[in-house]
PDB file of N, CA and C in Angstrom:
ATOM      1  N   UNK A   1     -17.189   4.321 -10.869  1.00  0.00           N
ATOM      2  CA  UNK A   1     -16.617   5.610 -10.543  1.00  0.00           C
ATOM      3  C   UNK A   1     -17.734   6.636 -10.635  1.00  0.00           C
ATOM      4  N   UNK A   2     -17.846   7.446  -9.635  1.00  0.00           N
ATOM      5  CA  UNK A   2     -18.949   8.409  -9.577  1.00  0.00           C
ATOM      6  C   UNK A   2     -18.673   9.642 -10.431  1.00  0.00           C
ATOM      7  N   UNK A   3     -19.738  10.348 -10.767  1.00  0.00           N
ATOM      8  CA  UNK A   3     -19.609  11.614 -11.489  1.00  0.00           C
ATOM      9  C   UNK A   3     -18.827  12.624 -10.641  1.00  0.00           C
ATOM     10  N   UNK A   4     -18.997  12.559  -9.324  1.00  0.00           N
ATOM     11  CA  UNK A   4     -18.261  13.467  -8.435  1.00  0.00           C
ATOM     12  C   UNK A   4     -16.755  13.239  -8.565  1.00  0.00           C
ATOM     13  N   UNK A   5     -16.333  11.976  -8.599  1.00  0.00           N
ATOM     14  CA  UNK A   5     -14.907  11.667  -8.725  1.00  0.00           C
ATOM     15  C   UNK A   5     -14.381  12.063 -10.103  1.00  0.00           C
ATOM     16  N   UNK A   6     -15.164  11.815 -11.144  1.00  0.00           N
ATOM     17  CA  UNK A   6     -14.753  12.227 -12.491  1.00  0.00           C
ATOM     18  C   UNK A   6     -14.601  13.745 -12.563  1.00  0.00           C
ATOM     19  N   UNK A   7     -15.540  14.456 -11.948  1.00  0.00           N
ATOM     20  CA  UNK A   7     -15.463  15.914 -11.903  1.00  0.00           C
ATOM     21  C   UNK A   7     -14.258  16.395 -11.118  1.00  0.00           C
ATOM     22  N   UNK A   8     -13.937  15.690 -10.046  1.00  0.00           N
ATOM     23  CA  UNK A   8     -12.776  16.026  -9.228  1.00  0.00           C
ATOM     24  C   UNK A   8     -11.494  15.938 -10.051  1.00  0.00           C
ATOM     25  N   UNK A   9     -11.343  14.868 -10.821  1.00  0.00           N
ATOM     26  CA  UNK A   9     -10.155  14.700 -11.667  1.00  0.00           C
ATOM     27  C   UNK A   9     -10.093  15.809 -12.715  1.00  0.00           C
ATOM     28  N   UNK A  10     -11.222  16.088 -13.363  1.00  0.00           N
ATOM     29  CA  UNK A  10     -11.263  17.136 -14.381  1.00  0.00           C
ATOM     30  C   UNK A  10     -10.895  18.501 -13.826  1.00  0.00           C
ATOM     31  N   UNK A  11     -11.437  18.827 -12.659  1.00  0.00           N
ATOM     32  CA  UNK A  11     -11.147  20.121 -12.028  1.00  0.00           C
ATOM     33  C   UNK A  11      -9.679  20.205 -11.614  1.00  0.00           C
ATOM     34  N   UNK A  12      -9.168  19.125 -11.081  1.00  0.00           N
ATOM     35  CA  UNK A  12      -7.774  19.058 -10.655  1.00  0.00           C
ATOM     36  C   UNK A  12      -6.832  19.289 -11.836  1.00  0.00           C
ATOM     37  N   UNK A  13      -7.102  18.631 -12.966  1.00  0.00           N
ATOM     38  CA  UNK A  13      -6.263  18.820 -14.154  1.00  0.00           C
ATOM     39  C   UNK A  13      -6.374  20.253 -14.680  1.00  0.00           C
ATOM     40  N   UNK A  14      -7.564  20.823 -14.588  1.00  0.00           N
ATOM     41  CA  UNK A  14      -7.762  22.214 -15.006  1.00  0.00           C
ATOM     42  C   UNK A  14      -6.949  23.161 -14.124  1.00  0.00           C
ATOM     43  N   UNK A  15      -6.971  22.921 -12.808  1.00  0.00           N
ATOM     44  CA  UNK A  15      -6.198  23.748 -11.879  1.00  0.00           C
ATOM     45  C   UNK A  15      -4.699  23.658 -12.157  1.00  0.00           C
ATOM     46  N   UNK A  16      -4.251  22.489 -12.610  1.00  0.00           N
ATOM     47  CA  UNK A  16      -2.842  22.304 -12.953  1.00  0.00           C
ATOM     48  C   UNK A  16      -2.514  22.862 -14.340  1.00  0.00           C
ATOM     49  N   UNK A  17      -3.553  23.317 -15.045  1.00  0.00           N
ATOM     50  CA  UNK A  17      -3.395  23.860 -16.403  1.00  0.00           C
ATOM     51  C   UNK A  17      -2.814  22.818 -17.359  1.00  0.00           C
ATOM     52  N   UNK A  18      -3.313  21.585 -17.214  1.00  0.00           N
ATOM     53  CA  UNK A  18      -2.918  20.494 -18.100  1.00  0.00           C
ATOM     54  C   UNK A  18      -4.130  20.142 -18.959  1.00  0.00           C
ATOM     55  N   UNK A  19      -4.037  20.285 -20.280  1.00  0.00           N
ATOM     56  CA  UNK A  19      -5.168  19.948 -21.149  1.00  0.00           C
ATOM     57  C   UNK A  19      -5.588  18.490 -20.952  1.00  0.00           C
ATOM     58  N   UNK A  20      -6.886  18.276 -20.667  1.00  0.00           N
ATOM     59  CA  UNK A  20      -7.385  16.947 -20.299  1.00  0.00           C
ATOM     60  C   UNK A  20      -8.821  16.774 -20.771  1.00  0.00           C
ATOM     61  N   UNK A  21      -9.136  15.568 -21.225  1.00  0.00           N
ATOM     62  CA  UNK A  21     -10.517  15.153 -21.493  1.00  0.00           C
ATOM     63  C   UNK A  21     -10.662  13.692 -21.097  1.00  0.00           C
ATOM     64  N   UNK A  22     -11.884  13.308 -20.789  1.00  0.00           N
ATOM     65  CA  UNK A  22     -12.180  11.924 -20.434  1.00  0.00           C
ATOM     66  C   UNK A  22     -12.344  11.094 -21.701  1.00  0.00           C
ATOM     67  N   UNK A  23     -11.676   9.980 -21.774  1.00  0.00           N
ATOM     68  CA  UNK A  23     -11.754   8.949 -22.810  1.00  0.00           C
ATOM     69  C   UNK A  23     -11.096   9.318 -24.137  1.00  0.00           C
ATOM     70  N   UNK A  24     -11.413  10.455 -24.710  1.00  0.00           N
ATOM     71  CA  UNK A  24     -10.792  10.833 -25.979  1.00  0.00           C
ATOM     72  C   UNK A  24     -10.860  12.338 -26.142  1.00  0.00           C
ATOM     73  N   UNK A  25      -9.931  12.868 -26.906  1.00  0.00           N
ATOM     74  CA  UNK A  25      -9.941  14.303 -27.166  1.00  0.00           C
ATOM     75  C   UNK A  25     -10.871  14.556 -28.335  1.00  0.00           C
ATOM     76  N   UNK A  26     -11.812  15.462 -28.156  1.00  0.00           N
ATOM     77  CA  UNK A  26     -12.709  15.826 -29.247  1.00  0.00           C
ATOM     78  C   UNK A  26     -12.229  17.145 -29.836  1.00  0.00           C
ATOM     79  N   UNK A  27     -12.142  17.205 -31.127  1.00  0.00           N
ATOM     80  CA  UNK A  27     -11.630  18.403 -31.776  1.00  0.00           C
ATOM     81  C   UNK A  27     -10.126  18.324 -31.958  1.00  0.00           C
ATOM     82  N   UNK A  28      -9.541  19.445 -32.322  1.00  0.00           N
ATOM     83  CA  UNK A  28      -8.094  19.520 -32.535  1.00  0.00           C
ATOM     84  C   UNK A  28      -7.385  19.544 -31.178  1.00  0.00           C
ATOM     85  N   UNK A  29      -6.573  18.533 -30.868  1.00  0.00           N
ATOM     86  CA  UNK A  29      -5.924  18.508 -29.551  1.00  0.00           C
ATOM     87  C   UNK A  29      -4.770  19.499 -29.471  1.00  0.00           C
ATOM     88  N   UNK A  30      -4.568  20.059 -28.277  1.00  0.00           N
ATOM     89  CA  UNK A  30      -3.372  20.876 -28.060  1.00  0.00           C
ATOM     90  C   UNK A  30      -2.157  19.949 -27.971  1.00  0.00           C
ATOM     91  N   UNK A  31      -1.011  20.511 -27.821  1.00  0.00           N
ATOM     92  CA  UNK A  31       0.190  19.695 -27.680  1.00  0.00           C
ATOM     93  C   UNK A  31       1.031  20.267 -26.545  1.00  0.00           C
ATOM     94  N   UNK A  32       1.181  19.520 -25.473  1.00  0.00           N
ATOM     95  CA  UNK A  32       0.719  18.171 -25.174  1.00  0.00           C
ATOM     96  C   UNK A  32      -0.708  18.161 -24.620  1.00  0.00           C
ATOM     97  N   UNK A  33      -1.266  16.953 -24.478  1.00  0.00           N
ATOM     98  CA  UNK A  33      -2.586  16.801 -23.870  1.00  0.00           C
ATOM     99  C   UNK A  33      -2.688  15.423 -23.217  1.00  0.00           C
ATOM    100  N   UNK A  34      -3.692  15.278 -22.334  1.00  0.00           N
ATOM    101  CA  UNK A  34      -3.928  14.019 -21.630  1.00  0.00           C
ATOM    102  C   UNK A  34      -5.379  13.589 -21.795  1.00  0.00           C
ATOM    103  N   UNK A  35      -5.588  12.278 -21.832  1.00  0.00           N
ATOM    104  CA  UNK A  35      -6.929  11.709 -21.759  1.00  0.00           C
ATOM    105  C   UNK A  35      -6.950  10.736 -20.585  1.00  0.00           C
ATOM    106  N   UNK A  36      -8.126  10.582 -19.989  1.00  0.00           N
ATOM    107  CA  UNK A  36      -8.271   9.689 -18.852  1.00  0.00           C
ATOM    108  C   UNK A  36      -9.259   8.584 -19.144  1.00  0.00           C
ATOM    109  N   UNK A  37      -9.009   7.427 -18.588  1.00  0.00           N
ATOM    110  CA  UNK A  37      -9.948   6.309 -18.663  1.00  0.00           C
ATOM    111  C   UNK A  37      -9.825   5.518 -17.369  1.00  0.00           C
ATOM    112  N   UNK A  38     -10.824   4.710 -17.079  1.00  0.00           N
ATOM    113  CA  UNK A  38     -10.810   4.028 -15.791  1.00  0.00           C
ATOM    114  C   UNK A  38     -11.358   2.615 -15.877  1.00  0.00           C
ATOM    115  N   UNK A  39     -11.002   1.828 -14.864  1.00  0.00           N
ATOM    116  CA  UNK A  39     -11.533   0.485 -14.671  1.00  0.00           C
ATOM    117  C   UNK A  39     -11.905   0.363 -13.201  1.00  0.00           C
ATOM    118  N   UNK A  40     -13.160   0.048 -12.940  1.00  0.00           N
ATOM    119  CA  UNK A  40     -13.586  -0.148 -11.552  1.00  0.00           C
ATOM    120  C   UNK A  40     -13.149  -1.525 -11.072  1.00  0.00           C
ATOM    121  N   UNK A  41     -12.687  -1.572  -9.839  1.00  0.00           N
ATOM    122  CA  UNK A  41     -12.308  -2.822  -9.202  1.00  0.00           C
ATOM    123  C   UNK A  41     -13.542  -3.365  -8.493  1.00  0.00           C
ATOM    124  N   UNK A  42     -13.785  -4.658  -8.644  1.00  0.00           N
ATOM    125  CA  UNK A  42     -14.956  -5.254  -7.999  1.00  0.00           C
ATOM    126  C   UNK A  42     -14.887  -5.052  -6.488  1.00  0.00           C
ATOM    127  N   UNK A  43     -16.003  -4.629  -5.909  1.00  0.00           N
ATOM    128  CA  UNK A  43     -16.063  -4.379  -4.471  1.00  0.00           C
ATOM    129  C   UNK A  43     -17.060  -5.333  -3.823  1.00  0.00           C
ATOM    130  N   UNK A  44     -16.590  -6.087  -2.846  1.00  0.00           N
ATOM    131  CA  UNK A  44     -17.455  -7.019  -2.120  1.00  0.00           C
ATOM    132  C   UNK A  44     -18.308  -6.312  -1.071  1.00  0.00           C
ATOM    133  N   UNK A  45     -17.910  -5.079  -0.708  1.00  0.00           N
ATOM    134  CA  UNK A  45     -18.589  -4.394   0.398  1.00  0.00           C
ATOM    135  C   UNK A  45     -19.264  -3.093  -0.021  1.00  0.00           C
ATOM    136  N   UNK A  46     -19.362  -2.824  -1.302  1.00  0.00           N
ATOM    137  CA  UNK A  46     -19.903  -1.534  -1.762  1.00  0.00           C
ATOM    138  C   UNK A  46     -21.302  -1.260  -1.219  1.00  0.00           C
ATOM    139  N   UNK A  47     -22.136  -2.259  -1.196  1.00  0.00           N
ATOM    140  CA  UNK A  47     -23.501  -2.073  -0.694  1.00  0.00           C
ATOM    141  C   UNK A  47     -23.524  -1.791   0.808  1.00  0.00           C
ATOM    142  N   UNK A  48     -22.535  -2.281   1.528  1.00  0.00           N
ATOM    143  CA  UNK A  48     -22.489  -2.100   2.977  1.00  0.00           C
ATOM    144  C   UNK A  48     -21.846  -0.778   3.395  1.00  0.00           C
ATOM    145  N   UNK A  49     -20.681  -0.479   2.807  1.00  0.00           N
ATOM    146  CA  UNK A  49     -19.939   0.701   3.277  1.00  0.00           C
ATOM    147  C   UNK A  49     -19.734   1.782   2.215  1.00  0.00           C
ATOM    148  N   UNK A  50     -20.247   1.572   0.993  1.00  0.00           N
ATOM    149  CA  UNK A  50     -20.138   2.576  -0.063  1.00  0.00           C
ATOM    150  C   UNK A  50     -18.758   2.700  -0.669  1.00  0.00           C
ATOM    151  N   UNK A  51     -17.862   1.741  -0.376  1.00  0.00           N
ATOM    152  CA  UNK A  51     -16.487   1.826  -0.867  1.00  0.00           C
ATOM    153  C   UNK A  51     -16.372   1.325  -2.295  1.00  0.00           C
ATOM    154  N   UNK A  52     -15.688   2.106  -3.138  1.00  0.00           N
ATOM    155  CA  UNK A  52     -15.405   1.717  -4.522  1.00  0.00           C
ATOM    156  C   UNK A  52     -13.968   2.096  -4.846  1.00  0.00           C
ATOM    157  N   UNK A  53     -13.228   1.165  -5.410  1.00  0.00           N
ATOM    158  CA  UNK A  53     -11.852   1.424  -5.823  1.00  0.00           C
ATOM    159  C   UNK A  53     -11.788   1.420  -7.345  1.00  0.00           C
ATOM    160  N   UNK A  54     -10.993   2.327  -7.901  1.00  0.00           N
ATOM    161  CA  UNK A  54     -10.900   2.469  -9.349  1.00  0.00           C
ATOM    162  C   UNK A  54      -9.449   2.659  -9.767  1.00  0.00           C
ATOM    163  N   UNK A  55      -9.052   1.964 -10.824  1.00  0.00           N
ATOM    164  CA  UNK A  55      -7.759   2.214 -11.463  1.00  0.00           C
ATOM    165  C   UNK A  55      -7.996   3.271 -12.524  1.00  0.00           C
ATOM    166  N   UNK A  56      -7.255   4.370 -12.451  1.00  0.00           N
ATOM    167  CA  UNK A  56      -7.451   5.483 -13.385  1.00  0.00           C
ATOM    168  C   UNK A  56      -6.173   5.688 -14.181  1.00  0.00           C
ATOM    169  N   UNK A  57      -6.296   5.683 -15.503  1.00  0.00           N
ATOM    170  CA  UNK A  57      -5.154   5.857 -16.386  1.00  0.00           C
ATOM    171  C   UNK A  57      -5.191   7.241 -17.005  1.00  0.00           C
ATOM    172  N   UNK A  58      -4.141   7.991 -16.803  1.00  0.00           N
ATOM    173  CA  UNK A  58      -3.958   9.275 -17.481  1.00  0.00           C
ATOM    174  C   UNK A  58      -2.915   9.032 -18.560  1.00  0.00           C
ATOM    175  N   UNK A  59      -3.284   9.246 -19.805  1.00  0.00           N
ATOM    176  CA  UNK A  59      -2.352   9.024 -20.900  1.00  0.00           C
ATOM    177  C   UNK A  59      -2.044  10.346 -21.574  1.00  0.00           C
ATOM    178  N   UNK A  60      -0.754  10.690 -21.597  1.00  0.00           N
ATOM    179  CA  UNK A  60      -0.310  11.945 -22.188  1.00  0.00           C
ATOM    180  C   UNK A  60       0.277  11.731 -23.567  1.00  0.00           C
ATOM    181  N   UNK A  61       0.049  12.697 -24.441  1.00  0.00           N
ATOM    182  CA  UNK A  61       0.546  12.647 -25.814  1.00  0.00           C
ATOM    183  C   UNK A  61       1.223  13.964 -26.162  1.00  0.00           C
ATOM    184  N   UNK A  62       2.294  13.883 -26.942  1.00  0.00           N
ATOM    185  CA  UNK A  62       2.941  15.085 -27.462  1.00  0.00           C
ATOM    186  C   UNK A  62       3.727  14.752 -28.723  1.00  0.00           C
ATOM    187  N   UNK A  63       3.909  15.750 -29.558  1.00  0.00           N
ATOM    188  CA  UNK A  63       4.818  15.633 -30.701  1.00  0.00           C
ATOM    189  C   UNK A  63       6.094  16.422 -30.419  1.00  0.00           C
ATOM    190  N   UNK A  64       6.151  16.981 -29.219  1.00  0.00           N
ATOM    191  CA  UNK A  64       7.355  17.686 -28.775  1.00  0.00           C
ATOM    192  C   UNK A  64       8.312  16.648 -28.194  1.00  0.00           C
ATOM    193  N   UNK A  65       9.104  17.017 -27.230  1.00  0.00           N
ATOM    194  CA  UNK A  65      10.085  16.091 -26.662  1.00  0.00           C
ATOM    195  C   UNK A  65       9.484  15.278 -25.512  1.00  0.00           C
ATOM    196  N   UNK A  66      10.176  14.178 -25.182  1.00  0.00           N
ATOM    197  CA  UNK A  66       9.780  13.371 -24.031  1.00  0.00           C
ATOM    198  C   UNK A  66       9.793  14.214 -22.761  1.00  0.00           C
ATOM    199  N   UNK A  67      10.675  15.188 -22.722  1.00  0.00           N
ATOM    200  CA  UNK A  67      10.800  16.044 -21.548  1.00  0.00           C
ATOM    201  C   UNK A  67       9.493  16.753 -21.233  1.00  0.00           C
ATOM    202  N   UNK A  68       8.733  17.122 -22.247  1.00  0.00           N
ATOM    203  CA  UNK A  68       7.437  17.783 -22.029  1.00  0.00           C
ATOM    204  C   UNK A  68       6.514  16.898 -21.200  1.00  0.00           C
ATOM    205  N   UNK A  69       6.421  15.625 -21.561  1.00  0.00           N
ATOM    206  CA  UNK A  69       5.564  14.703 -20.810  1.00  0.00           C
ATOM    207  C   UNK A  69       6.126  14.434 -19.419  1.00  0.00           C
ATOM    208  N   UNK A  70       7.428  14.334 -19.302  1.00  0.00           N
ATOM    209  CA  UNK A  70       8.043  14.091 -17.995  1.00  0.00           C
ATOM    210  C   UNK A  70       7.806  15.258 -17.038  1.00  0.00           C
ATOM    211  N   UNK A  71       7.853  16.478 -17.547  1.00  0.00           N
ATOM    212  CA  UNK A  71       7.571  17.652 -16.711  1.00  0.00           C
ATOM    213  C   UNK A  71       6.133  17.620 -16.201  1.00  0.00           C
ATOM    214  N   UNK A  72       5.202  17.254 -17.079  1.00  0.00           N
ATOM    215  CA  UNK A  72       3.797  17.188 -16.666  1.00  0.00           C
ATOM    216  C   UNK A  72       3.561  16.033 -15.703  1.00  0.00           C
ATOM    217  N   UNK A  73       4.245  14.919 -15.918  1.00  0.00           N
ATOM    218  CA  UNK A  73       4.146  13.792 -14.980  1.00  0.00           C
ATOM    219  C   UNK A  73       4.586  14.235 -13.594  1.00  0.00           C
ATOM    220  N   UNK A  74       5.705  14.946 -13.535  1.00  0.00           N
ATOM    221  CA  UNK A  74       6.216  15.429 -12.252  1.00  0.00           C
ATOM    222  C   UNK A  74       5.237  16.407 -11.604  1.00  0.00           C
ATOM    223  N   UNK A  75       4.640  17.271 -12.403  1.00  0.00           N
ATOM    224  CA  UNK A  75       3.655  18.228 -11.895  1.00  0.00           C
ATOM    225  C   UNK A  75       2.447  17.499 -11.311  1.00  0.00           C
ATOM    226  N   UNK A  76       1.987  16.457 -12.002  1.00  0.00           N
ATOM    227  CA  UNK A  76       0.856  15.661 -11.517  1.00  0.00           C
ATOM    228  C   UNK A  76       1.227  14.969 -10.213  1.00  0.00           C
ATOM    229  N   UNK A  77       2.386  14.323 -10.188  1.00  0.00           N
ATOM    230  CA  UNK A  77       2.812  13.586  -8.995  1.00  0.00           C
ATOM    231  C   UNK A  77       2.978  14.505  -7.786  1.00  0.00           C
ATOM    232  N   UNK A  78       3.551  15.682  -7.988  1.00  0.00           N
ATOM    233  CA  UNK A  78       3.800  16.604  -6.875  1.00  0.00           C
ATOM    234  C   UNK A  78       2.541  17.302  -6.377  1.00  0.00           C
ATOM    235  N   UNK A  79       1.552  17.461  -7.233  1.00  0.00           N
ATOM    236  CA  UNK A  79       0.367  18.239  -6.873  1.00  0.00           C
ATOM    237  C   UNK A  79      -0.886  17.409  -6.671  1.00  0.00           C
ATOM    238  N   UNK A  80      -0.725  16.122  -6.589  1.00  0.00           N
ATOM    239  CA  UNK A  80      -1.898  15.269  -6.422  1.00  0.00           C
ATOM    240  C   UNK A  80      -2.530  15.552  -5.059  1.00  0.00           C
ATOM    241  N   UNK A  81      -3.823  15.746  -5.067  1.00  0.00           N
ATOM    242  CA  UNK A  81      -4.563  15.987  -3.830  1.00  0.00           C
ATOM    243  C   UNK A  81      -4.923  14.631  -3.241  1.00  0.00           C
ATOM    244  N   UNK A  82      -4.503  14.383  -2.042  1.00  0.00           N
ATOM    245  CA  UNK A  82      -4.736  13.071  -1.445  1.00  0.00           C
ATOM    246  C   UNK A  82      -6.215  12.763  -1.223  1.00  0.00           C
ATOM    247  N   UNK A  83      -6.946  13.687  -0.581  1.00  0.00           N
ATOM    248  CA  UNK A  83      -8.359  13.425  -0.291  1.00  0.00           C
ATOM    249  C   UNK A  83      -9.181  14.692  -0.462  1.00  0.00           C
ATOM    250  N   UNK A  84     -10.460  14.484  -0.724  1.00  0.00           N
ATOM    251  CA  UNK A  84     -11.385  15.613  -0.837  1.00  0.00           C
ATOM    252  C   UNK A  84     -12.783  15.135  -0.477  1.00  0.00           C
ATOM    253  N   UNK A  85     -13.550  16.020   0.141  1.00  0.00           N
ATOM    254  CA  UNK A  85     -14.960  15.746   0.425  1.00  0.00           C
ATOM    255  C   UNK A  85     -15.767  16.446  -0.658  1.00  0.00           C
ATOM    256  N   UNK A  86     -16.577  15.683  -1.357  1.00  0.00           N
ATOM    257  CA  UNK A  86     -17.375  16.204  -2.465  1.00  0.00           C
ATOM    258  C   UNK A  86     -18.641  16.889  -1.950  1.00  0.00           C
ATOM    259  N   UNK A  87     -19.284  17.665  -2.810  1.00  0.00           N
ATOM    260  CA  UNK A  87     -20.516  18.365  -2.440  1.00  0.00           C
ATOM    261  C   UNK A  87     -21.616  17.409  -1.996  1.00  0.00           C
ATOM    262  N   UNK A  88     -21.618  16.182  -2.542  1.00  0.00           N
ATOM    263  CA  UNK A  88     -22.654  15.210  -2.178  1.00  0.00           C
ATOM    264  C   UNK A  88     -22.323  14.444  -0.897  1.00  0.00           C
ATOM    265  N   UNK A  89     -21.199  14.792  -0.245  1.00  0.00           N
ATOM    266  CA  UNK A  89     -20.815  14.150   1.008  1.00  0.00           C
ATOM    267  C   UNK A  89     -19.900  12.948   0.837  1.00  0.00           C
ATOM    268  N   UNK A  90     -19.685  12.504  -0.385  1.00  0.00           N
ATOM    269  CA  UNK A  90     -18.782  11.381  -0.609  1.00  0.00           C
ATOM    270  C   UNK A  90     -17.334  11.846  -0.439  1.00  0.00           C
ATOM    271  N   UNK A  91     -16.459  10.892  -0.223  1.00  0.00           N
ATOM    272  CA  UNK A  91     -15.040  11.185  -0.034  1.00  0.00           C
ATOM    273  C   UNK A  91     -14.258  10.512  -1.159  1.00  0.00           C
ATOM    274  N   UNK A  92     -13.314  11.246  -1.737  1.00  0.00           N
ATOM    275  CA  UNK A  92     -12.463  10.730  -2.806  1.00  0.00           C
ATOM    276  C   UNK A  92     -11.011  10.848  -2.364  1.00  0.00           C
ATOM    277  N   UNK A  93     -10.265   9.771  -2.517  1.00  0.00           N
ATOM    278  CA  UNK A  93      -8.825   9.771  -2.241  1.00  0.00           C
ATOM    279  C   UNK A  93      -8.106   9.326  -3.509  1.00  0.00           C
ATOM    280  N   UNK A  94      -7.110  10.100  -3.928  1.00  0.00           N
ATOM    281  CA  UNK A  94      -6.375   9.810  -5.161  1.00  0.00           C
ATOM    282  C   UNK A  94      -4.912   9.560  -4.818  1.00  0.00           C
ATOM    283  N   UNK A  95      -4.359   8.494  -5.391  1.00  0.00           N
ATOM    284  CA  UNK A  95      -2.973   8.112  -5.126  1.00  0.00           C
ATOM    285  C   UNK A  95      -2.225   7.912  -6.437  1.00  0.00           C
ATOM    286  N   UNK A  96      -1.021   8.448  -6.515  1.00  0.00           N
ATOM    287  CA  UNK A  96      -0.139   8.230  -7.661  1.00  0.00           C
ATOM    288  C   UNK A  96       0.500   6.860  -7.493  1.00  0.00           C
ATOM    289  N   UNK A  97       0.433   6.015  -8.518  1.00  0.00           N
ATOM    290  CA  UNK A  97       1.061   4.697  -8.442  1.00  0.00           C
ATOM    291  C   UNK A  97       2.382   4.654  -9.205  1.00  0.00           C
ATOM    292  N   UNK A  98       2.324   4.881 -10.523  1.00  0.00           N
ATOM    293  CA  UNK A  98       3.532   4.813 -11.340  1.00  0.00           C
ATOM    294  C   UNK A  98       3.262   5.394 -12.716  1.00  0.00           C
ATOM    295  N   UNK A  99       4.294   5.414 -13.540  1.00  0.00           N
ATOM    296  CA  UNK A  99       4.161   5.906 -14.910  1.00  0.00           C
ATOM    297  C   UNK A  99       5.181   5.198 -15.787  1.00  0.00           C
ATOM    298  N   UNK A 100       4.875   5.136 -17.079  1.00  0.00           N
ATOM    299  CA  UNK A 100       5.830   4.552 -18.015  1.00  0.00           C
ATOM    300  C   UNK A 100       5.555   5.031 -19.436  1.00  0.00           C
ATOM    301  N   UNK A 101       6.633   5.154 -20.248  1.00  0.00           N
ATOM    302  CA  UNK A 101       6.459   5.536 -21.642  1.00  0.00           C
ATOM    303  C   UNK A 101       5.880   4.364 -22.434  1.00  0.00           C
ATOM    304  N   UNK A 102       5.127   4.692 -23.482  1.00  0.00           N
ATOM    305  CA  UNK A 102       4.492   3.679 -24.327  1.00  0.00           C
ATOM    306  C   UNK A 102       4.908   3.937 -25.775  1.00  0.00           C
ATOM    307  N   UNK A 103       5.382   2.899 -26.442  1.00  0.00           N
ATOM    308  CA  UNK A 103       5.743   3.034 -27.857  1.00  0.00           C
ATOM    309  C   UNK A 103       4.476   3.206 -28.693  1.00  0.00           C
ATOM    310  N   UNK A 104       4.565   4.087 -29.696  1.00  0.00           N
ATOM    311  CA  UNK A 104       3.397   4.347 -30.542  1.00  0.00           C
ATOM    312  C   UNK A 104       3.574   3.849 -31.971  1.00  0.00           C
ATOM    313  N   UNK A 105       4.793   3.543 -32.371  1.00  0.00           N
ATOM    314  CA  UNK A 105       5.047   3.178 -33.754  1.00  0.00           C
ATOM    315  C   UNK A 105       5.200   4.394 -34.657  1.00  0.00           C
ATOM    316  N   UNK A 106       5.021   5.575 -34.084  1.00  0.00           N
ATOM    317  CA  UNK A 106       5.177   6.839 -34.806  1.00  0.00           C
ATOM    318  C   UNK A 106       6.319   7.597 -34.130  1.00  0.00           C
ATOM    319  N   UNK A 107       7.409   7.799 -34.849  1.00  0.00           N
ATOM    320  CA  UNK A 107       8.592   8.439 -34.256  1.00  0.00           C
ATOM    321  C   UNK A 107       8.315   9.849 -33.758  1.00  0.00           C
ATOM    322  N   UNK A 108       7.300  10.508 -34.313  1.00  0.00           N
ATOM    323  CA  UNK A 108       6.986  11.880 -33.903  1.00  0.00           C
ATOM    324  C   UNK A 108       6.082  11.955 -32.679  1.00  0.00           C
ATOM    325  N   UNK A 109       5.321  10.897 -32.411  1.00  0.00           N
ATOM    326  CA  UNK A 109       4.336  10.925 -31.329  1.00  0.00           C
ATOM    327  C   UNK A 109       4.878  10.225 -30.087  1.00  0.00           C
ATOM    328  N   UNK A 110       4.916  10.956 -28.982  1.00  0.00           N
ATOM    329  CA  UNK A 110       5.334  10.391 -27.702  1.00  0.00           C
ATOM    330  C   UNK A 110       4.099  10.171 -26.834  1.00  0.00           C
ATOM    331  N   UNK A 111       4.129   9.086 -26.036  1.00  0.00           N
ATOM    332  CA  UNK A 111       2.974   8.713 -25.210  1.00  0.00           C
ATOM    333  C   UNK A 111       3.483   8.259 -23.848  1.00  0.00           C
ATOM    334  N   UNK A 112       2.835   8.754 -22.794  1.00  0.00           N
ATOM    335  CA  UNK A 112       3.215   8.409 -21.427  1.00  0.00           C
ATOM    336  C   UNK A 112       1.959   8.048 -20.647  1.00  0.00           C
ATOM    337  N   UNK A 113       1.979   6.893 -19.990  1.00  0.00           N
ATOM    338  CA  UNK A 113       0.836   6.472 -19.181  1.00  0.00           C
ATOM    339  C   UNK A 113       1.147   6.675 -17.710  1.00  0.00           C
ATOM    340  N   UNK A 114       0.218   7.325 -17.008  1.00  0.00           N
ATOM    341  CA  UNK A 114       0.320   7.541 -15.567  1.00  0.00           C
ATOM    342  C   UNK A 114      -0.820   6.771 -14.913  1.00  0.00           C
ATOM    343  N   UNK A 115      -0.496   5.930 -13.949  1.00  0.00           N
ATOM    344  CA  UNK A 115      -1.498   5.126 -13.256  1.00  0.00           C
ATOM    345  C   UNK A 115      -1.800   5.728 -11.890  1.00  0.00           C
ATOM    346  N   UNK A 116      -3.075   5.988 -11.675  1.00  0.00           N
ATOM    347  CA  UNK A 116      -3.557   6.495 -10.392  1.00  0.00           C
ATOM    348  C   UNK A 116      -4.501   5.468  -9.788  1.00  0.00           C
ATOM    349  N   UNK A 117      -4.628   5.500  -8.491  1.00  0.00           N
ATOM    350  CA  UNK A 117      -5.620   4.688  -7.790  1.00  0.00           C
ATOM    351  C   UNK A 117      -6.576   5.654  -7.112  1.00  0.00           C
ATOM    352  N   UNK A 118      -7.863   5.421  -7.311  1.00  0.00           N
ATOM    353  CA  UNK A 118      -8.878   6.279  -6.709  1.00  0.00           C
ATOM    354  C   UNK A 118      -9.743   5.426  -5.795  1.00  0.00           C
ATOM    355  N   UNK A 119      -9.916   5.910  -4.579  1.00  0.00           N
ATOM    356  CA  UNK A 119     -10.791   5.243  -3.615  1.00  0.00           C
ATOM    357  C   UNK A 119     -11.916   6.204  -3.280  1.00  0.00           C
ATOM    358  N   UNK A 120     -13.134   5.684  -3.301  1.00  0.00           N
ATOM    359  CA  UNK A 120     -14.316   6.507  -3.004  1.00  0.00           C
ATOM    360  C   UNK A 120     -15.139   5.851  -1.909  1.00  0.00           C
ATOM    361  N   UNK A 121     -15.697   6.695  -1.067  1.00  0.00           N
ATOM    362  CA  UNK A 121     -16.666   6.258  -0.075  1.00  0.00           C
ATOM    363  C   UNK A 121     -17.907   7.105  -0.287  1.00  0.00           C
ATOM    364  N   UNK A 122     -18.988   6.450  -0.689  1.00  0.00           N
ATOM    365  CA  UNK A 122     -20.231   7.168  -0.984  1.00  0.00           C
ATOM    366  C   UNK A 122     -21.276   6.885   0.082  1.00  0.00           C
ATOM    367  N   UNK A 123     -22.173   7.848   0.221  1.00  0.00           N
ATOM    368  CA  UNK A 123     -23.272   7.696   1.187  1.00  0.00           C
ATOM    369  C   UNK A 123     -24.310   6.730   0.673  1.00  0.00           C
TER     370      UNK A 123
END
């Protein structure tokens, strides 16, 4: 996953006014907040056409109600930008796949995972 695509996700979450950091929250987290992590899918043609596919996980946490996370999930799903051309000329396409609640073992902490698919074409 390129720095351009990571920056795109960060900027997008900022525009949606959803607290977000990559991999882990550093410092005292707001409530609610999201962290992102990714797994690159092996590409047989990356050297030829610059294509890279990535599974991106947005994980939301709150000590408030489940409704808080569901509202943010809906906001993410409705406002997802399908494609963008980056400053370096690469193209990023983001797709919403699905979401599901995750048990934490802590009755006060709610957790929701949102799965996105990111496709990139780099020069």
